[in-house]
Amino acid sequence: MSTPESEPEIQAMPLVGVRFESGQAVDEVLARAAEELTRRGFRVAGLVQENGRRTDDCACREMRLRDLASGRLTRISEDRGTQARGCHLDWQALTELAAKLERELSDETDVLIINRFGRSESEGQGFRGAIEKALSLGVQVVVAYRDGYAGPWEAFHGGLATPCGATVEEIVGICERNRSPATQPAS
């Protein structure tokens, strides 16, 4: 039988779920949170989405992911023409980015930011491997998910994620509270 003083200290789960509604500017929030975390001395990795403008030959906006470590932009959308229906996501580009991110993750990273937990992650693909690797390394993970993916997101984390509003202040505050003493900036 355990006594209160022998109970292990329960640490906050380093998985943060940023729930947002369709049309909400979560990409800008994640990018600004990454900038603020970097300013505070966190080593940030991950990807945030940037949408381009609509073109005459495609009804959808060009989608790009910005690598937070290098600043490199990679297009993740396909121009399928004005008559195309359905998703215009370039699955090959997304798969390559996810694999690259997973390979490059290390315990030198303090926070991993993933722009979406969406269809591919719900199906066990996309950035799910990078999320799982980061957690196994003890890296904090911030993931945005749209209302429509709340069920799959909850099934993935099993009640262990910290819920978070889509604000820079809330994201940064949670990351600061979960910060490992080893990653504190020198005084």
N, C-alpha and C. Protein backbone atom coordinates (compact mmCIF):
# COMPACT_ATOMS: atom_id res chain seq x y z
N MET A 1 0.84 -1.18 0.00
CA MET A 1 0.00 0.00 0.00
C MET A 1 0.89 1.24 0.00
N SER A 2 0.55 2.16 -0.86
CA SER A 2 1.39 3.36 -0.98
C SER A 2 0.86 4.47 -0.08
N THR A 3 1.77 5.28 0.36
CA THR A 3 1.42 6.44 1.17
C THR A 3 1.58 7.67 0.31
N PRO A 4 0.94 8.79 0.71
CA PRO A 4 1.04 10.01 -0.11
C PRO A 4 2.47 10.42 -0.40
N GLU A 5 3.39 10.25 0.58
CA GLU A 5 4.76 10.68 0.32
C GLU A 5 5.50 9.73 -0.62
N SER A 6 5.00 8.52 -0.83
CA SER A 6 5.66 7.60 -1.76
C SER A 6 5.06 7.64 -3.16
N GLU A 7 4.00 8.39 -3.34
CA GLU A 7 3.38 8.52 -4.66
C GLU A 7 4.31 9.28 -5.59
N PRO A 8 4.49 8.79 -6.80
CA PRO A 8 5.34 9.53 -7.74
C PRO A 8 4.67 10.85 -8.13
N GLU A 9 5.49 11.86 -8.39
CA GLU A 9 4.96 13.15 -8.82
C GLU A 9 4.44 12.99 -10.24
N ILE A 10 3.23 13.43 -10.49
CA ILE A 10 2.64 13.34 -11.81
C ILE A 10 3.03 14.58 -12.59
N GLN A 11 3.70 14.37 -13.69
CA GLN A 11 4.13 15.47 -14.55
C GLN A 11 3.03 15.77 -15.56
N ALA A 12 2.95 17.02 -15.97
CA ALA A 12 2.00 17.40 -17.02
C ALA A 12 2.43 16.71 -18.31
N MET A 13 1.45 16.25 -19.07
CA MET A 13 1.75 15.62 -20.36
C MET A 13 2.27 16.70 -21.30
N PRO A 14 3.39 16.45 -21.95
CA PRO A 14 3.95 17.47 -22.83
C PRO A 14 3.24 17.55 -24.19
N LEU A 15 2.01 17.07 -24.26
CA LEU A 15 1.23 17.12 -25.49
C LEU A 15 0.12 18.16 -25.30
N VAL A 16 0.13 19.16 -26.16
CA VAL A 16 -0.82 20.28 -26.05
C VAL A 16 -1.70 20.30 -27.30
N GLY A 17 -3.00 20.25 -27.11
CA GLY A 17 -3.95 20.30 -28.22
C GLY A 17 -4.59 21.66 -28.34
N VAL A 18 -4.35 22.32 -29.45
CA VAL A 18 -4.91 23.65 -29.72
C VAL A 18 -6.13 23.47 -30.61
N ARG A 19 -7.30 23.57 -30.01
CA ARG A 19 -8.54 23.39 -30.76
C ARG A 19 -8.93 24.70 -31.42
N PHE A 20 -9.32 24.61 -32.69
CA PHE A 20 -9.73 25.82 -33.41
C PHE A 20 -10.92 25.52 -34.31
N GLU A 21 -11.61 26.56 -34.66
CA GLU A 21 -12.77 26.44 -35.55
C GLU A 21 -12.35 26.78 -36.98
N SER A 22 -13.05 26.21 -37.94
CA SER A 22 -12.79 26.51 -39.33
C SER A 22 -12.87 28.02 -39.55
N GLY A 23 -11.90 28.55 -40.27
CA GLY A 23 -11.87 29.99 -40.53
C GLY A 23 -11.05 30.77 -39.52
N GLN A 24 -10.71 30.16 -38.39
CA GLN A 24 -9.91 30.82 -37.38
C GLN A 24 -8.45 30.85 -37.84
N ALA A 25 -7.73 31.93 -37.59
CA ALA A 25 -6.35 32.12 -38.07
C ALA A 25 -5.34 31.40 -37.18
N VAL A 26 -5.49 30.09 -37.04
CA VAL A 26 -4.61 29.32 -36.14
C VAL A 26 -3.18 29.27 -36.66
N ASP A 27 -2.98 29.30 -37.96
CA ASP A 27 -1.62 29.24 -38.51
C ASP A 27 -0.79 30.44 -38.06
N GLU A 28 -1.40 31.61 -38.08
CA GLU A 28 -0.71 32.82 -37.63
C GLU A 28 -0.41 32.73 -36.13
N VAL A 29 -1.35 32.20 -35.37
CA VAL A 29 -1.16 32.04 -33.92
C VAL A 29 0.02 31.10 -33.66
N LEU A 30 0.07 29.97 -34.34
CA LEU A 30 1.17 29.02 -34.14
C LEU A 30 2.52 29.64 -34.52
N ALA A 31 2.55 30.38 -35.62
CA ALA A 31 3.80 31.02 -36.06
C ALA A 31 4.27 32.05 -35.03
N ARG A 32 3.34 32.84 -34.52
CA ARG A 32 3.70 33.84 -33.50
C ARG A 32 4.12 33.18 -32.19
N ALA A 33 3.46 32.08 -31.83
CA ALA A 33 3.85 31.34 -30.62
C ALA A 33 5.26 30.79 -30.79
N ALA A 34 5.57 30.25 -31.97
CA ALA A 34 6.92 29.73 -32.23
C ALA A 34 7.96 30.84 -32.10
N GLU A 35 7.66 32.01 -32.63
CA GLU A 35 8.58 33.15 -32.52
C GLU A 35 8.80 33.54 -31.06
N GLU A 36 7.72 33.58 -30.28
CA GLU A 36 7.84 33.97 -28.88
C GLU A 36 8.59 32.90 -28.08
N LEU A 37 8.32 31.64 -28.34
CA LEU A 37 9.04 30.57 -27.64
C LEU A 37 10.53 30.63 -27.96
N THR A 38 10.87 30.87 -29.22
CA THR A 38 12.26 30.99 -29.62
C THR A 38 12.92 32.17 -28.91
N ARG A 39 12.20 33.29 -28.85
CA ARG A 39 12.70 34.49 -28.16
C ARG A 39 13.00 34.19 -26.69
N ARG A 40 12.21 33.29 -26.09
CA ARG A 40 12.39 32.93 -24.68
C ARG A 40 13.42 31.81 -24.47
N GLY A 41 14.09 31.41 -25.54
CA GLY A 41 15.16 30.44 -25.40
C GLY A 41 14.80 29.00 -25.67
N PHE A 42 13.57 28.73 -26.08
CA PHE A 42 13.18 27.37 -26.44
C PHE A 42 13.77 27.03 -27.80
N ARG A 43 14.17 25.78 -27.97
CA ARG A 43 14.60 25.29 -29.27
C ARG A 43 13.36 24.68 -29.92
N VAL A 44 12.85 25.37 -30.94
CA VAL A 44 11.57 25.02 -31.56
C VAL A 44 11.79 24.38 -32.92
N ALA A 45 11.05 23.30 -33.15
CA ALA A 45 11.05 22.63 -34.45
C ALA A 45 9.60 22.47 -34.88
N GLY A 46 9.41 22.08 -36.12
CA GLY A 46 8.05 21.81 -36.60
C GLY A 46 7.71 22.58 -37.84
N LEU A 47 6.42 22.60 -38.13
CA LEU A 47 5.93 23.19 -39.37
C LEU A 47 4.65 23.97 -39.12
N VAL A 48 4.56 25.13 -39.74
CA VAL A 48 3.32 25.91 -39.72
C VAL A 48 2.90 26.20 -41.16
N GLN A 49 1.61 26.26 -41.35
CA GLN A 49 1.06 26.45 -42.70
C GLN A 49 0.98 27.92 -43.06
N GLU A 50 1.29 28.21 -44.32
CA GLU A 50 1.10 29.54 -44.89
C GLU A 50 0.32 29.36 -46.17
N ASN A 51 -0.76 30.08 -46.31
CA ASN A 51 -1.58 29.98 -47.51
C ASN A 51 -1.25 31.11 -48.46
N GLY A 52 -1.09 30.74 -49.71
CA GLY A 52 -0.84 31.73 -50.75
C GLY A 52 -2.16 32.28 -51.28
N ARG A 53 -2.07 32.97 -52.36
CA ARG A 53 -3.27 33.55 -52.96
C ARG A 53 -3.91 32.56 -53.93
N ARG A 54 -5.15 32.80 -54.25
CA ARG A 54 -5.83 31.99 -55.26
C ARG A 54 -5.32 32.41 -56.63
N THR A 55 -5.22 31.43 -57.51
CA THR A 55 -4.80 31.73 -58.87
C THR A 55 -6.01 31.57 -59.80
N ASP A 56 -5.89 32.10 -61.01
CA ASP A 56 -6.99 32.03 -61.97
C ASP A 56 -7.33 30.61 -62.39
N ASP A 57 -6.32 29.74 -62.41
CA ASP A 57 -6.55 28.39 -62.90
C ASP A 57 -6.85 27.37 -61.80
N CYS A 58 -7.03 27.82 -60.56
CA CYS A 58 -7.35 26.90 -59.46
C CYS A 58 -8.24 27.63 -58.46
N ALA A 59 -9.30 26.96 -58.01
CA ALA A 59 -10.24 27.57 -57.07
C ALA A 59 -9.71 27.59 -55.64
N CYS A 60 -8.61 26.88 -55.38
CA CYS A 60 -8.08 26.77 -54.02
C CYS A 60 -6.84 27.64 -53.84
N ARG A 61 -6.53 27.94 -52.61
CA ARG A 61 -5.30 28.66 -52.30
C ARG A 61 -4.12 27.70 -52.29
N GLU A 62 -2.97 28.20 -52.70
CA GLU A 62 -1.75 27.41 -52.59
C GLU A 62 -1.44 27.25 -51.10
N MET A 63 -1.08 26.04 -50.68
CA MET A 63 -0.72 25.78 -49.29
C MET A 63 0.77 25.44 -49.23
N ARG A 64 1.44 26.04 -48.25
CA ARG A 64 2.87 25.78 -48.03
C ARG A 64 3.08 25.55 -46.53
N LEU A 65 4.09 24.76 -46.22
CA LEU A 65 4.49 24.58 -44.83
C LEU A 65 5.87 25.21 -44.64
N ARG A 66 5.99 26.01 -43.57
CA ARG A 66 7.27 26.63 -43.24
C ARG A 66 7.92 25.81 -42.13
N ASP A 67 9.16 25.38 -42.40
CA ASP A 67 9.95 24.67 -41.41
C ASP A 67 10.42 25.70 -40.38
N LEU A 68 10.06 25.51 -39.13
CA LEU A 68 10.37 26.49 -38.09
C LEU A 68 11.86 26.56 -37.77
N ALA A 69 12.59 25.50 -38.01
CA ALA A 69 14.03 25.51 -37.73
C ALA A 69 14.82 26.20 -38.84
N SER A 70 14.47 25.93 -40.10
CA SER A 70 15.26 26.45 -41.22
C SER A 70 14.61 27.64 -41.94
N GLY A 71 13.29 27.79 -41.77
CA GLY A 71 12.57 28.83 -42.50
C GLY A 71 12.17 28.41 -43.90
N ARG A 72 12.56 27.23 -44.33
CA ARG A 72 12.29 26.75 -45.69
C ARG A 72 10.79 26.54 -45.90
N LEU A 73 10.31 26.99 -47.06
CA LEU A 73 8.90 26.81 -47.45
C LEU A 73 8.79 25.66 -48.44
N THR A 74 7.80 24.79 -48.22
CA THR A 74 7.54 23.67 -49.12
C THR A 74 6.07 23.68 -49.49
N ARG A 75 5.80 23.65 -50.78
CA ARG A 75 4.41 23.62 -51.26
C ARG A 75 3.82 22.23 -50.98
N ILE A 76 2.61 22.22 -50.41
CA ILE A 76 1.94 20.95 -50.10
C ILE A 76 0.59 20.84 -50.80
N SER A 77 0.37 21.69 -51.79
CA SER A 77 -0.89 21.62 -52.52
C SER A 77 -0.61 21.39 -54.00
N GLU A 78 -1.57 20.78 -54.67
CA GLU A 78 -1.48 20.53 -56.10
C GLU A 78 -2.48 21.44 -56.81
N ASP A 79 -2.06 22.01 -57.90
CA ASP A 79 -2.97 22.80 -58.73
C ASP A 79 -3.72 21.82 -59.63
N ARG A 80 -4.97 21.59 -59.30
CA ARG A 80 -5.76 20.59 -60.03
C ARG A 80 -6.78 21.23 -60.97
N GLY A 81 -6.70 22.54 -61.12
CA GLY A 81 -7.60 23.22 -62.06
C GLY A 81 -8.91 23.64 -61.41
N THR A 82 -9.64 24.50 -62.13
CA THR A 82 -10.87 25.07 -61.57
C THR A 82 -12.02 24.07 -61.47
N GLN A 83 -11.99 23.01 -62.23
CA GLN A 83 -13.09 22.04 -62.21
C GLN A 83 -12.88 20.92 -61.18
N ALA A 84 -11.72 20.89 -60.57
CA ALA A 84 -11.40 19.82 -59.61
C ALA A 84 -12.27 19.93 -58.37
N ARG A 85 -12.59 18.80 -57.81
CA ARG A 85 -13.36 18.73 -56.58
C ARG A 85 -12.51 17.96 -55.55
N GLY A 86 -12.76 18.23 -54.29
CA GLY A 86 -12.07 17.50 -53.24
C GLY A 86 -10.75 18.14 -52.85
N CYS A 87 -10.06 17.43 -52.01
CA CYS A 87 -8.82 17.92 -51.43
C CYS A 87 -7.73 18.07 -52.49
N HIS A 88 -7.00 19.16 -52.42
CA HIS A 88 -5.89 19.38 -53.35
C HIS A 88 -4.54 19.26 -52.65
N LEU A 89 -4.53 18.57 -51.52
CA LEU A 89 -3.30 18.35 -50.78
C LEU A 89 -2.39 17.42 -51.57
N ASP A 90 -1.12 17.75 -51.64
CA ASP A 90 -0.12 16.91 -52.28
C ASP A 90 0.37 15.92 -51.21
N TRP A 91 -0.20 14.72 -51.23
CA TRP A 91 0.08 13.71 -50.21
C TRP A 91 1.54 13.31 -50.21
N GLN A 92 2.16 13.26 -51.38
CA GLN A 92 3.58 12.90 -51.47
C GLN A 92 4.45 13.94 -50.76
N ALA A 93 4.19 15.21 -51.01
CA ALA A 93 4.96 16.27 -50.35
C ALA A 93 4.78 16.21 -48.84
N LEU A 94 3.54 15.99 -48.39
CA LEU A 94 3.26 15.90 -46.96
C LEU A 94 4.00 14.72 -46.34
N THR A 95 3.97 13.58 -47.00
CA THR A 95 4.64 12.38 -46.51
C THR A 95 6.15 12.60 -46.40
N GLU A 96 6.74 13.25 -47.40
CA GLU A 96 8.18 13.52 -47.38
C GLU A 96 8.55 14.48 -46.25
N LEU A 97 7.75 15.53 -46.04
CA LEU A 97 8.01 16.47 -44.95
C LEU A 97 7.90 15.78 -43.59
N ALA A 98 6.88 14.94 -43.44
CA ALA A 98 6.69 14.24 -42.16
C ALA A 98 7.87 13.33 -41.86
N ALA A 99 8.33 12.60 -42.86
CA ALA A 99 9.47 11.69 -42.67
C ALA A 99 10.74 12.47 -42.33
N LYS A 100 10.96 13.59 -43.01
CA LYS A 100 12.13 14.43 -42.76
C LYS A 100 12.09 14.98 -41.34
N LEU A 101 10.94 15.48 -40.92
CA LEU A 101 10.80 16.03 -39.58
C LEU A 101 11.06 14.95 -38.53
N GLU A 102 10.50 13.78 -38.73
CA GLU A 102 10.71 12.69 -37.78
C GLU A 102 12.19 12.30 -37.69
N ARG A 103 12.87 12.22 -38.83
CA ARG A 103 14.30 11.89 -38.85
C ARG A 103 15.14 12.91 -38.09
N GLU A 104 14.79 14.19 -38.24
CA GLU A 104 15.61 15.27 -37.68
C GLU A 104 15.32 15.56 -36.21
N LEU A 105 14.24 15.01 -35.66
CA LEU A 105 13.91 15.26 -34.26
C LEU A 105 14.94 14.65 -33.33
N SER A 106 15.28 15.38 -32.28
CA SER A 106 16.18 14.85 -31.27
C SER A 106 15.79 15.42 -29.91
N ASP A 107 16.44 14.92 -28.88
CA ASP A 107 16.15 15.44 -27.55
C ASP A 107 16.75 16.83 -27.35
N GLU A 108 17.40 17.37 -28.37
CA GLU A 108 17.87 18.75 -28.35
C GLU A 108 16.72 19.74 -28.59
N THR A 109 15.60 19.23 -29.08
CA THR A 109 14.42 20.06 -29.35
C THR A 109 13.63 20.22 -28.05
N ASP A 110 13.16 21.43 -27.78
CA ASP A 110 12.34 21.67 -26.59
C ASP A 110 10.85 21.59 -26.91
N VAL A 111 10.45 22.14 -28.07
CA VAL A 111 9.04 22.18 -28.45
C VAL A 111 8.92 21.84 -29.93
N LEU A 112 8.00 20.93 -30.24
CA LEU A 112 7.64 20.61 -31.61
C LEU A 112 6.26 21.18 -31.87
N ILE A 113 6.12 21.96 -32.94
CA ILE A 113 4.82 22.53 -33.31
C ILE A 113 4.37 21.90 -34.62
N ILE A 114 3.18 21.33 -34.60
CA ILE A 114 2.59 20.70 -35.79
C ILE A 114 1.33 21.46 -36.14
N ASN A 115 1.23 21.88 -37.38
CA ASN A 115 0.14 22.76 -37.80
C ASN A 115 -1.24 22.11 -37.76
N ARG A 116 -1.33 20.80 -37.94
CA ARG A 116 -2.65 20.15 -37.95
C ARG A 116 -2.56 18.70 -37.50
N PHE A 117 -3.59 18.28 -36.79
CA PHE A 117 -3.90 16.87 -36.62
C PHE A 117 -5.16 16.72 -37.45
N GLY A 118 -5.01 16.14 -38.62
CA GLY A 118 -6.13 16.07 -39.57
C GLY A 118 -6.37 14.66 -40.05
N ARG A 119 -6.82 14.59 -41.27
CA ARG A 119 -7.21 13.30 -41.85
C ARG A 119 -6.08 12.28 -41.83
N SER A 120 -4.91 12.67 -42.33
CA SER A 120 -3.82 11.69 -42.41
C SER A 120 -3.37 11.23 -41.03
N GLU A 121 -3.32 12.13 -40.05
CA GLU A 121 -2.94 11.74 -38.69
C GLU A 121 -4.01 10.86 -38.06
N SER A 122 -5.28 11.14 -38.38
CA SER A 122 -6.39 10.32 -37.88
C SER A 122 -6.28 8.89 -38.38
N GLU A 123 -5.67 8.74 -39.56
CA GLU A 123 -5.51 7.42 -40.18
C GLU A 123 -4.15 6.80 -39.86
N GLY A 124 -3.41 7.39 -38.92
CA GLY A 124 -2.12 6.83 -38.50
C GLY A 124 -0.95 7.24 -39.36
N GLN A 125 -1.13 8.26 -40.20
CA GLN A 125 -0.08 8.68 -41.12
C GLN A 125 0.29 10.15 -40.85
N GLY A 126 0.76 10.83 -41.88
CA GLY A 126 1.09 12.24 -41.76
C GLY A 126 2.16 12.47 -40.69
N PHE A 127 1.91 13.41 -39.80
CA PHE A 127 2.88 13.80 -38.77
C PHE A 127 2.74 12.99 -37.49
N ARG A 128 1.93 11.97 -37.52
CA ARG A 128 1.71 11.17 -36.31
C ARG A 128 3.01 10.54 -35.80
N GLY A 129 3.84 10.03 -36.70
CA GLY A 129 5.11 9.44 -36.29
C GLY A 129 6.03 10.46 -35.62
N ALA A 130 6.06 11.68 -36.15
CA ALA A 130 6.89 12.74 -35.56
C ALA A 130 6.37 13.10 -34.17
N ILE A 131 5.05 13.17 -34.02
CA ILE A 131 4.45 13.47 -32.72
C ILE A 131 4.85 12.39 -31.72
N GLU A 132 4.70 11.14 -32.10
CA GLU A 132 5.02 10.02 -31.22
C GLU A 132 6.50 10.00 -30.86
N LYS A 133 7.38 10.25 -31.84
CA LYS A 133 8.81 10.27 -31.56
C LYS A 133 9.15 11.39 -30.59
N ALA A 134 8.60 12.58 -30.83
CA ALA A 134 8.88 13.71 -29.94
C ALA A 134 8.47 13.38 -28.50
N LEU A 135 7.30 12.81 -28.34
CA LEU A 135 6.84 12.47 -26.99
C LEU A 135 7.77 11.43 -26.35
N SER A 136 8.24 10.48 -27.14
CA SER A 136 9.15 9.46 -26.59
C SER A 136 10.48 10.07 -26.18
N LEU A 137 10.86 11.20 -26.79
CA LEU A 137 12.10 11.90 -26.45
C LEU A 137 11.91 12.90 -25.31
N GLY A 138 10.66 13.08 -24.86
CA GLY A 138 10.38 14.06 -23.81
C GLY A 138 10.23 15.48 -24.32
N VAL A 139 10.03 15.63 -25.62
CA VAL A 139 9.86 16.95 -26.24
C VAL A 139 8.40 17.37 -26.12
N GLN A 140 8.17 18.61 -25.72
CA GLN A 140 6.80 19.13 -25.71
C GLN A 140 6.29 19.20 -27.14
N VAL A 141 5.01 18.88 -27.33
CA VAL A 141 4.41 18.90 -28.66
C VAL A 141 3.14 19.75 -28.61
N VAL A 142 3.06 20.70 -29.52
CA VAL A 142 1.87 21.55 -29.67
C VAL A 142 1.25 21.20 -31.02
N VAL A 143 -0.01 20.78 -30.99
CA VAL A 143 -0.69 20.35 -32.21
C VAL A 143 -2.03 21.06 -32.31
N ALA A 144 -2.30 21.65 -33.47
CA ALA A 144 -3.60 22.27 -33.72
C ALA A 144 -4.53 21.23 -34.35
N TYR A 145 -5.79 21.28 -33.96
CA TYR A 145 -6.79 20.40 -34.57
C TYR A 145 -8.10 21.15 -34.68
N ARG A 146 -8.77 20.93 -35.79
CA ARG A 146 -10.05 21.58 -36.08
C ARG A 146 -11.17 20.81 -35.37
N ASP A 147 -12.24 21.51 -35.06
CA ASP A 147 -13.39 20.89 -34.39
C ASP A 147 -13.79 19.56 -35.01
N GLY A 148 -13.75 19.48 -36.34
CA GLY A 148 -14.17 18.27 -37.04
C GLY A 148 -13.29 17.06 -36.75
N TYR A 149 -12.10 17.28 -36.19
CA TYR A 149 -11.19 16.18 -35.86
C TYR A 149 -11.05 15.99 -34.35
N ALA A 150 -11.95 16.56 -33.59
CA ALA A 150 -11.88 16.42 -32.13
C ALA A 150 -11.96 14.95 -31.70
N GLY A 151 -12.84 14.18 -32.30
CA GLY A 151 -12.99 12.76 -31.95
C GLY A 151 -11.72 11.97 -32.22
N PRO A 152 -11.18 12.02 -33.43
CA PRO A 152 -9.93 11.30 -33.70
C PRO A 152 -8.76 11.81 -32.84
N TRP A 153 -8.71 13.12 -32.58
CA TRP A 153 -7.65 13.67 -31.73
C TRP A 153 -7.75 13.07 -30.32
N GLU A 154 -8.96 13.05 -29.76
CA GLU A 154 -9.14 12.49 -28.42
C GLU A 154 -8.83 11.00 -28.39
N ALA A 155 -9.19 10.27 -29.45
CA ALA A 155 -8.86 8.84 -29.52
C ALA A 155 -7.35 8.64 -29.56
N PHE A 156 -6.64 9.53 -30.24
CA PHE A 156 -5.18 9.44 -30.33
C PHE A 156 -4.53 9.63 -28.97
N HIS A 157 -4.92 10.70 -28.24
CA HIS A 157 -4.21 11.00 -26.99
C HIS A 157 -4.82 10.35 -25.75
N GLY A 158 -6.01 9.79 -25.87
CA GLY A 158 -6.60 9.06 -24.76
C GLY A 158 -6.79 9.85 -23.48
N GLY A 159 -7.03 11.14 -23.60
CA GLY A 159 -7.25 11.98 -22.42
C GLY A 159 -5.99 12.53 -21.79
N LEU A 160 -4.84 12.32 -22.41
CA LEU A 160 -3.57 12.75 -21.83
C LEU A 160 -3.08 14.12 -22.29
N ALA A 161 -3.69 14.68 -23.32
CA ALA A 161 -3.24 15.99 -23.82
C ALA A 161 -3.79 17.12 -22.97
N THR A 162 -3.04 18.19 -22.91
CA THR A 162 -3.47 19.41 -22.24
C THR A 162 -4.25 20.25 -23.25
N PRO A 163 -5.52 20.56 -22.95
CA PRO A 163 -6.27 21.41 -23.89
C PRO A 163 -5.79 22.85 -23.83
N CYS A 164 -5.85 23.53 -24.96
CA CYS A 164 -5.33 24.89 -25.05
C CYS A 164 -6.15 25.69 -26.05
N GLY A 165 -6.41 26.94 -25.71
CA GLY A 165 -7.07 27.84 -26.64
C GLY A 165 -6.10 28.29 -27.72
N ALA A 166 -6.64 28.79 -28.80
CA ALA A 166 -5.81 29.20 -29.94
C ALA A 166 -5.33 30.64 -29.77
N THR A 167 -4.53 30.84 -28.70
CA THR A 167 -3.92 32.15 -28.47
C THR A 167 -2.44 31.97 -28.20
N VAL A 168 -1.65 32.93 -28.62
CA VAL A 168 -0.21 32.89 -28.40
C VAL A 168 0.07 32.80 -26.90
N GLU A 169 -0.60 33.62 -26.12
CA GLU A 169 -0.36 33.68 -24.68
C GLU A 169 -0.61 32.34 -24.00
N GLU A 170 -1.69 31.67 -24.38
CA GLU A 170 -2.01 30.39 -23.75
C GLU A 170 -1.00 29.31 -24.15
N ILE A 171 -0.64 29.26 -25.42
CA ILE A 171 0.33 28.26 -25.89
C ILE A 171 1.68 28.47 -25.18
N VAL A 172 2.17 29.70 -25.18
CA VAL A 172 3.45 30.00 -24.55
C VAL A 172 3.39 29.72 -23.05
N GLY A 173 2.28 30.08 -22.42
CA GLY A 173 2.13 29.85 -20.97
C GLY A 173 2.21 28.38 -20.61
N ILE A 174 1.54 27.53 -21.38
CA ILE A 174 1.58 26.10 -21.12
C ILE A 174 2.99 25.55 -21.34
N CYS A 175 3.64 25.98 -22.41
CA CYS A 175 5.01 25.52 -22.67
C CYS A 175 5.96 25.95 -21.56
N GLU A 176 5.80 27.15 -21.06
CA GLU A 176 6.64 27.63 -19.94
C GLU A 176 6.40 26.78 -18.69
N ARG A 177 5.14 26.49 -18.39
CA ARG A 177 4.83 25.68 -17.20
C ARG A 177 5.37 24.26 -17.32
N ASN A 178 5.42 23.73 -18.54
CA ASN A 178 5.90 22.36 -18.76
C ASN A 178 7.41 22.32 -19.02
N ARG A 179 8.06 23.46 -19.01
CA ARG A 179 9.47 23.53 -19.38
C ARG A 179 10.33 22.71 -18.43
N SER A 180 11.22 21.93 -19.01
CA SER A 180 12.16 21.12 -18.23
C SER A 180 13.20 22.04 -17.60
N PRO A 181 13.58 21.79 -16.35
CA PRO A 181 14.63 22.62 -15.73
C PRO A 181 15.93 22.62 -16.55
N ALA A 182 16.20 21.54 -17.27
CA ALA A 182 17.42 21.46 -18.08
C ALA A 182 17.41 22.45 -19.23
N THR A 183 16.22 22.92 -19.64
CA THR A 183 16.15 23.83 -20.78
C THR A 183 15.92 25.28 -20.36
N GLN A 184 15.99 25.55 -19.06
CA GLN A 184 15.83 26.93 -18.59
C GLN A 184 17.01 27.76 -19.08
N PRO A 185 16.74 29.00 -19.52
CA PRO A 185 17.86 29.85 -19.96
C PRO A 185 18.73 30.21 -18.75
N ALA A 186 20.02 30.42 -19.01
CA ALA A 186 20.95 30.80 -17.95
C ALA A 186 20.58 32.17 -17.43
N SER A 187 20.69 32.34 -16.12
CA SER A 187 20.34 33.63 -15.50
C SER A 187 21.49 34.59 -15.56
